């Protein structure tokens, strides 16, 4: 029996794969909504779904690339209190960077920002993982004397 997997099945295959299985196992998978019977129509539906997903993926990547170019032109400036040797009282966290970006109109989750607590005056480069293929470098500047 030839089937198309709707979800990952351990020991059999991954989602969207076409597999040849024994009749009893194929019936079990179809009954439990883990697969559909292979036919020309189901193959056509699968191809259309894969094309749609690819288009969505490509549009998401291009939107992230657009955001990357905008973010890399931005400089986030934080005015902070500092002591001797440019050491900052406290530190700038990814949460603070995320909140400042939201104020500027960017919706970036703090978990996507790779910033160990920034606690010295000057310019710092912070990586933002917008997508697994797109990483932006944001400049964060700490100015002292507040």
C-alpha atoms as a PDB file:
ATOM      1  CA  UNK A   1       0.000   0.000   0.000  1.00  0.00           C
ATOM      2  CA  UNK A   2       1.337   3.426  -0.939  1.00  0.00           C
ATOM      3  CA  UNK A   3       0.658   6.298   1.493  1.00  0.00           C
ATOM      4  CA  UNK A   4       1.560   9.949   2.065  1.00  0.00           C
ATOM      5  CA  UNK A   5       2.519  10.736   5.663  1.00  0.00           C
ATOM      6  CA  UNK A   6       0.650  13.653   7.240  1.00  0.00           C
ATOM      7  CA  UNK A   7       2.977  13.788  10.255  1.00  0.00           C
ATOM      8  CA  UNK A   8       6.282  12.265  11.349  1.00  0.00           C
ATOM      9  CA  UNK A   9       5.980   8.564  12.190  1.00  0.00           C
ATOM     10  CA  UNK A  10       8.895   7.109  14.117  1.00  0.00           C
ATOM     11  CA  UNK A  11      10.549   4.279  12.235  1.00  0.00           C
ATOM     12  CA  UNK A  12       8.529   4.946   9.067  1.00  0.00           C
ATOM     13  CA  UNK A  13       9.247   8.441   7.789  1.00  0.00           C
ATOM     14  CA  UNK A  14       8.772  12.160   8.020  1.00  0.00           C
ATOM     15  CA  UNK A  15       5.817  14.365   7.180  1.00  0.00           C
ATOM     16  CA  UNK A  16       5.003  14.671   3.446  1.00  0.00           C
ATOM     17  CA  UNK A  17       7.006  11.582   2.447  1.00  0.00           C
ATOM     18  CA  UNK A  18       5.497   8.973   0.131  1.00  0.00           C
ATOM     19  CA  UNK A  19       6.045   5.468   1.546  1.00  0.00           C
ATOM     20  CA  UNK A  20       5.255   1.906   0.604  1.00  0.00           C
ATOM     21  CA  UNK A  21       3.974   0.054   3.696  1.00  0.00           C
ATOM     22  CA  UNK A  22       2.124  -3.171   4.469  1.00  0.00           C
ATOM     23  CA  UNK A  23      -1.658  -2.983   4.110  1.00  0.00           C
ATOM     24  CA  UNK A  24      -2.444  -3.428   7.810  1.00  0.00           C
ATOM     25  CA  UNK A  25       0.024  -0.757   8.926  1.00  0.00           C
ATOM     26  CA  UNK A  26      -1.157   1.589   6.174  1.00  0.00           C
ATOM     27  CA  UNK A  27      -4.772   1.168   7.298  1.00  0.00           C
ATOM     28  CA  UNK A  28      -3.713   1.823  10.900  1.00  0.00           C
ATOM     29  CA  UNK A  29      -1.924   5.062   9.910  1.00  0.00           C
ATOM     30  CA  UNK A  30      -4.868   6.254   7.796  1.00  0.00           C
ATOM     31  CA  UNK A  31      -7.377   5.439  10.562  1.00  0.00           C
ATOM     32  CA  UNK A  32      -5.284   7.401  13.107  1.00  0.00           C
ATOM     33  CA  UNK A  33      -4.965  10.355  10.704  1.00  0.00           C
ATOM     34  CA  UNK A  34      -1.202  10.032  10.384  1.00  0.00           C
ATOM     35  CA  UNK A  35      -1.353   9.306   6.641  1.00  0.00           C
ATOM     36  CA  UNK A  36      -3.568   9.397   3.556  1.00  0.00           C
ATOM     37  CA  UNK A  37      -3.837   6.869   0.771  1.00  0.00           C
ATOM     38  CA  UNK A  38      -1.608   7.736  -2.189  1.00  0.00           C
ATOM     39  CA  UNK A  39      -3.453   8.676  -5.366  1.00  0.00           C
ATOM     40  CA  UNK A  40      -2.978  11.171  -8.168  1.00  0.00           C
ATOM     41  CA  UNK A  41      -5.314  13.589  -6.375  1.00  0.00           C
ATOM     42  CA  UNK A  42      -3.523  13.265  -3.003  1.00  0.00           C
ATOM     43  CA  UNK A  43      -0.154  13.700  -4.764  1.00  0.00           C
ATOM     44  CA  UNK A  44      -1.484  16.870  -6.443  1.00  0.00           C
ATOM     45  CA  UNK A  45      -2.739  18.221  -3.096  1.00  0.00           C
ATOM     46  CA  UNK A  46       0.662  17.466  -1.523  1.00  0.00           C
ATOM     47  CA  UNK A  47       2.524  19.279  -4.325  1.00  0.00           C
ATOM     48  CA  UNK A  48       0.263  22.334  -4.010  1.00  0.00           C
ATOM     49  CA  UNK A  49       0.745  22.386  -0.226  1.00  0.00           C
ATOM     50  CA  UNK A  50       4.530  22.126  -0.588  1.00  0.00           C
ATOM     51  CA  UNK A  51       4.541  25.002  -3.111  1.00  0.00           C
ATOM     52  CA  UNK A  52       2.427  27.147  -0.761  1.00  0.00           C
ATOM     53  CA  UNK A  53       4.750  26.441   2.165  1.00  0.00           C
ATOM     54  CA  UNK A  54       7.775  27.305   0.039  1.00  0.00           C
ATOM     55  CA  UNK A  55       6.188  30.617  -1.008  1.00  0.00           C
ATOM     56  CA  UNK A  56       5.352  31.451   2.633  1.00  0.00           C
ATOM     57  CA  UNK A  57       8.892  30.543   3.686  1.00  0.00           C
ATOM     58  CA  UNK A  58      10.444  32.701   0.951  1.00  0.00           C
ATOM     59  CA  UNK A  59       8.219  35.681   1.788  1.00  0.00           C
ATOM     60  CA  UNK A  60       9.118  35.329   5.481  1.00  0.00           C
ATOM     61  CA  UNK A  61      12.845  35.244   4.651  1.00  0.00           C
ATOM     62  CA  UNK A  62      12.552  38.308   2.400  1.00  0.00           C
ATOM     63  CA  UNK A  63      10.612  40.195   5.113  1.00  0.00           C
ATOM     64  CA  UNK A  64      13.341  39.319   7.621  1.00  0.00           C
ATOM     65  CA  UNK A  65      16.039  40.490   5.198  1.00  0.00           C
ATOM     66  CA  UNK A  66      14.187  43.791   4.788  1.00  0.00           C
ATOM     67  CA  UNK A  67      14.007  44.202   8.554  1.00  0.00           C
ATOM     68  CA  UNK A  68      17.720  43.344   8.794  1.00  0.00           C
ATOM     69  CA  UNK A  69      18.708  46.189   6.455  1.00  0.00           C
ATOM     70  CA  UNK A  70      16.579  48.642   8.463  1.00  0.00           C
ATOM     71  CA  UNK A  71      17.913  47.417  11.823  1.00  0.00           C
ATOM     72  CA  UNK A  72      21.542  47.632  10.725  1.00  0.00           C
ATOM     73  CA  UNK A  73      21.048  51.336   9.916  1.00  0.00           C
ATOM     74  CA  UNK A  74      19.696  52.000  13.438  1.00  0.00           C
ATOM     75  CA  UNK A  75      21.760  52.925  16.482  1.00  0.00           C
ATOM     76  CA  UNK A  76      20.167  52.337  19.874  1.00  0.00           C
ATOM     77  CA  UNK A  77      21.473  54.892  22.348  1.00  0.00           C
ATOM     78  CA  UNK A  78      21.120  54.346  26.082  1.00  0.00           C
ATOM     79  CA  UNK A  79      22.024  57.127  28.519  1.00  0.00           C
ATOM     80  CA  UNK A  80      23.278  55.426  31.672  1.00  0.00           C
ATOM     81  CA  UNK A  81      24.927  56.287  34.955  1.00  0.00           C
ATOM     82  CA  UNK A  82      28.536  55.246  35.070  1.00  0.00           C
ATOM     83  CA  UNK A  83      31.420  55.141  37.469  1.00  0.00           C
ATOM     84  CA  UNK A  84      35.182  54.952  37.053  1.00  0.00           C
ATOM     85  CA  UNK A  85      36.737  53.350  33.954  1.00  0.00           C
ATOM     86  CA  UNK A  86      33.463  53.606  31.995  1.00  0.00           C
ATOM     87  CA  UNK A  87      31.816  50.929  34.129  1.00  0.00           C
ATOM     88  CA  UNK A  88      28.025  51.224  34.038  1.00  0.00           C
ATOM     89  CA  UNK A  89      25.850  50.941  37.147  1.00  0.00           C
ATOM     90  CA  UNK A  90      23.682  47.978  36.200  1.00  0.00           C
ATOM     91  CA  UNK A  91      23.636  46.714  32.626  1.00  0.00           C
ATOM     92  CA  UNK A  92      21.650  46.749  29.402  1.00  0.00           C
ATOM     93  CA  UNK A  93      19.832  43.468  28.847  1.00  0.00           C
ATOM     94  CA  UNK A  94      18.183  41.908  25.809  1.00  0.00           C
ATOM     95  CA  UNK A  95      14.810  42.789  27.363  1.00  0.00           C
ATOM     96  CA  UNK A  96      15.739  46.484  27.457  1.00  0.00           C
ATOM     97  CA  UNK A  97      16.949  46.335  23.849  1.00  0.00           C
ATOM     98  CA  UNK A  98      13.713  44.615  22.794  1.00  0.00           C
ATOM     99  CA  UNK A  99      11.609  47.287  24.532  1.00  0.00           C
ATOM    100  CA  UNK A 100      13.592  50.105  22.889  1.00  0.00           C
ATOM    101  CA  UNK A 101      13.157  48.448  19.481  1.00  0.00           C
ATOM    102  CA  UNK A 102       9.384  48.206  20.087  1.00  0.00           C
ATOM    103  CA  UNK A 103       9.350  51.971  20.749  1.00  0.00           C
ATOM    104  CA  UNK A 104      10.959  52.436  17.317  1.00  0.00           C
ATOM    105  CA  UNK A 105       8.374  50.193  15.648  1.00  0.00           C
ATOM    106  CA  UNK A 106      10.255  46.886  15.438  1.00  0.00           C
ATOM    107  CA  UNK A 107       8.687  43.780  16.933  1.00  0.00           C
ATOM    108  CA  UNK A 108      11.681  41.695  18.051  1.00  0.00           C
ATOM    109  CA  UNK A 109      11.364  39.072  20.768  1.00  0.00           C
ATOM    110  CA  UNK A 110      14.009  39.368  23.507  1.00  0.00           C
ATOM    111  CA  UNK A 111      14.886  35.675  23.054  1.00  0.00           C
ATOM    112  CA  UNK A 112      16.139  36.436  19.538  1.00  0.00           C
ATOM    113  CA  UNK A 113      18.606  39.043  20.812  1.00  0.00           C
ATOM    114  CA  UNK A 114      22.078  37.720  21.654  1.00  0.00           C
ATOM    115  CA  UNK A 115      23.287  40.244  24.205  1.00  0.00           C
ATOM    116  CA  UNK A 116      25.134  39.307  27.317  1.00  0.00           C
ATOM    117  CA  UNK A 117      24.524  42.073  29.797  1.00  0.00           C
ATOM    118  CA  UNK A 118      26.260  45.100  28.299  1.00  0.00           C
ATOM    119  CA  UNK A 119      27.909  47.048  31.107  1.00  0.00           C
ATOM    120  CA  UNK A 120      30.627  49.273  29.626  1.00  0.00           C
ATOM    121  CA  UNK A 121      30.357  52.636  27.893  1.00  0.00           C
ATOM    122  CA  UNK A 122      30.818  52.811  24.146  1.00  0.00           C
ATOM    123  CA  UNK A 123      29.566  51.036  21.075  1.00  0.00           C
ATOM    124  CA  UNK A 124      28.566  47.364  21.126  1.00  0.00           C
ATOM    125  CA  UNK A 125      27.430  45.078  18.304  1.00  0.00           C
ATOM    126  CA  UNK A 126      24.457  42.883  19.224  1.00  0.00           C
ATOM    127  CA  UNK A 127      23.300  39.964  17.073  1.00  0.00           C
ATOM    128  CA  UNK A 128      19.583  39.553  16.436  1.00  0.00           C
ATOM    129  CA  UNK A 129      18.412  36.209  15.042  1.00  0.00           C
ATOM    130  CA  UNK A 130      15.467  37.255  12.881  1.00  0.00           C
ATOM    131  CA  UNK A 131      15.313  33.877  11.121  1.00  0.00           C
ATOM    132  CA  UNK A 132      17.547  30.819  10.934  1.00  0.00           C
ATOM    133  CA  UNK A 133      18.928  32.259   7.670  1.00  0.00           C
ATOM    134  CA  UNK A 134      18.923  35.954   8.642  1.00  0.00           C
ATOM    135  CA  UNK A 135      21.036  37.505  11.424  1.00  0.00           C
ATOM    136  CA  UNK A 136      21.142  41.278  11.905  1.00  0.00           C
ATOM    137  CA  UNK A 137      23.925  43.194  13.659  1.00  0.00           C
ATOM    138  CA  UNK A 138      22.535  46.072  15.721  1.00  0.00           C
ATOM    139  CA  UNK A 139      24.726  48.816  17.163  1.00  0.00           C
ATOM    140  CA  UNK A 140      23.986  49.614  20.803  1.00  0.00           C
ATOM    141  CA  UNK A 141      25.693  52.718  22.201  1.00  0.00           C
ATOM    142  CA  UNK A 142      26.008  53.425  25.914  1.00  0.00           C
ATOM    143  CA  UNK A 143      26.598  57.042  26.880  1.00  0.00           C
ATOM    144  CA  UNK A 144      27.500  57.961  30.433  1.00  0.00           C
ATOM    145  CA  UNK A 145      26.954  60.924  32.653  1.00  0.00           C
ATOM    146  CA  UNK A 146      23.218  60.778  33.374  1.00  0.00           C
END
